[in-house]
Amino acid sequence: MSSTEYQVDRRELQFVVNETLEAGKLCEFPDFAEFDEEMFTMIINEASTFSEQVLAPLNKNGDRQGCRIENGSVLTPDGFANAWKQFGEGGWLSMNLPTEYGGQGLPEVISIIGKETQMAANQGFTIGASLTSGAANLIYTFGSEEQKTIFCEKMFSGKWSGSMCLTEPQAGSAVGDAITSAAKQEDGYYLIKGIKQFITNGDHDMSDNIVHLLLARTTDAPEGTKGISLFIVPKIRMDGTPNDVNVVSIEHKMGINGSPTCLLSFGDNNDCQGFLLKAENIGMAQMFQLMNEARLLVGLQGLAGAGAAVQNAWSYAKERTQGASSVHPGEKAAIVEFPDVRRMLMQMKAVTEGLRALMYTTAWYTDMAHHGPEESREKYQDLLDIHIPVCKSFGTDQGFEVARVGIQVLGGVGFTQDFPLEQNARDQKIASIYEGTNGIQALDLVGRKFNTKKGQLLKVLAEELNWFDNHSPEGELAGWVAEWESYRALMQESIASLKKTGEREGKDGYVLYAVNMLDLMGDVLCCFYLLKQAESAQIKWKALLEGATSQAELLEENEDAKFYWNKLRTTEFYVWSVLPRALSNAKTIKNANLAPLNACL
């Protein structure tokens, strides 16, 4: 395989979902009774093939050609419109959406596979698809029967697409500062007037209509977030006439150039019709209800970019020769033989597989919170709520870091456009910024989630991390778990230290090193879920080893044995060579230095 081609690691996905998380057990729940593990395996393979054959070939051209405006409308890169049609018709847009309006009704832990492979193959194309799914789900959740009938089926199938219009030039993360207005008319609709900025897929030529979900203020609405309402604003009205929505410009960006990021103007001619979603002044509550899904998807962008980067770097390192080989005398050495290159590759692999373990488990928590036994749903919702900011922030920061290391593996060519890693890094950077910057995620974790329900989320997490108390590790795994346990204790100490700083220095002192706290938790959680995977791998590895002539022969001839062996080595590396960076974060939290707050600005 060339280092520029994208191919899905189906064996890895199969292991995480079916062998470790045992997703097949979800089929015992009524909502998933029509599925089984064999179907899940088939979906993994079909999703992988679609990403490889349809989306990946468009990735480079999407970046180079980008989007442009002609005659007031946005044109997407060549091939995108056809790919969008296949995307909708294949059901990839509606994997986890309700079956009532044509969705597939799959568990989140299965649909996340499609989303990861699609993101890894072509981030510029795929991020817009997630906005359509999110907008459609909002209408399904809060819309009237008439609204659901009009919009859901067409959006689930991709005939119509969607966007989320929140940000304004003067109102970014402070959504409560939005001034876009909505004036109610006698016929029941509202006249919308305002400007929305940074709108992903705000305009394009891939679908017949674009359904904008827009935050605005009604007449006499309260100030701040309490006065925000959510409206359905279609580009084309139901009578077939154009709505008063205009593209002012598209952004010229560092990455994701295949995705049109638009500045939109609503109501230039005082004729932009919007339709209220359920009730006035609950727009922010509606958005937060679906925030977990959106933030997990952005975290997934980091994981997907990391996965593609690992593959690119690993393949290149096997192909690129440099100097004399110490393994094969008389031949040139593939750079994968060099210790420092092997260290970088293992760093990339361990971090990526840790992120995947974290995010797929979080998706599983989503399924358990929404579809599992009633008596355990609150527990899994608590776990979901405390994991989401970690997935979003740690996932996107670490995904970008994996891409950076990958460029280093490639050396000079990694800095050129001839290889995909430079685009990978550019495409990924936005993920740490949108859907709430990573600093805001840390504030959410430390400022809100730590204190929700009088600290219940932390208690539930602590109970979940007691897993190895009832699953005694054996062999080399016992030492790894013991080492990880010391970091779990360190995490608890750091939380206590953070709270003491808050008591002493106030709110600003408490949140000053929230990012360090989130990163520390990210490493502890990723390592925990990798250790659970390692336990599964160890059982399979030992079973294979028992019937083998020798370990060396087994690793030479048996692909499953090689997979389980490498899974164990990856976890070993995370424990001893990645997890120690948590020590730095813990020390920073304990030091609680206030220089940033006391410096003169």
Foldseek 3Di string as FASTA:
>chain_A
DALQADADPLVLLCLLCCLQVVVQVLCVFPLNVVDGSVVLSVLLVVLRCLLRPQQQVCALQQWVVFWDDDPQFIEFGPSLLVSLQCCLQVQLLQACPDPPLPHNNDFLLSNLSSLLSNLLRHVLNRVQSVQLSLVLVLCVVQNDPVSNVVPNNCSSSSLEGEKEFQADPVCDVQSLVDAWEWEADPVQWTFTFDKGFQIWCPGYDNHPKYWYWYWHFYPPADGGLQRIFIWTFIQADPVRHGAQKTFPGFDDALASSSITGTIMTGCPPRGGIIHTRNDGRCHVVSCVVCLLVVLLSLLSSLLSLLVSLLSSLVSQQQVDFDDADPVDGPDTDRNCRPPVLVVLSLLSVLLSLLLVLLSSVLSVLVCCLVGNDPVCNVLSVLLNQLSRLLSQQVSLVVSLVSLVSSLVSVPPCSCDSVHCSSNSNSHSPCSCPPSAHNLRSLCCNLVPSCCPPHRVSVVSVVVVLCVCVVVPDDDPLNVLVVLLVVLVVLLVVLSVLLVVLCVVPNDCLSSVLSSLSSNSVSLSSSLSSLSSSLRSLVVVLVVQCVPDPHLVVCCVPPPSNVVSVVSNVSSVCSSPPVNVVNVVSSVCSNVSDCCVVPDDD
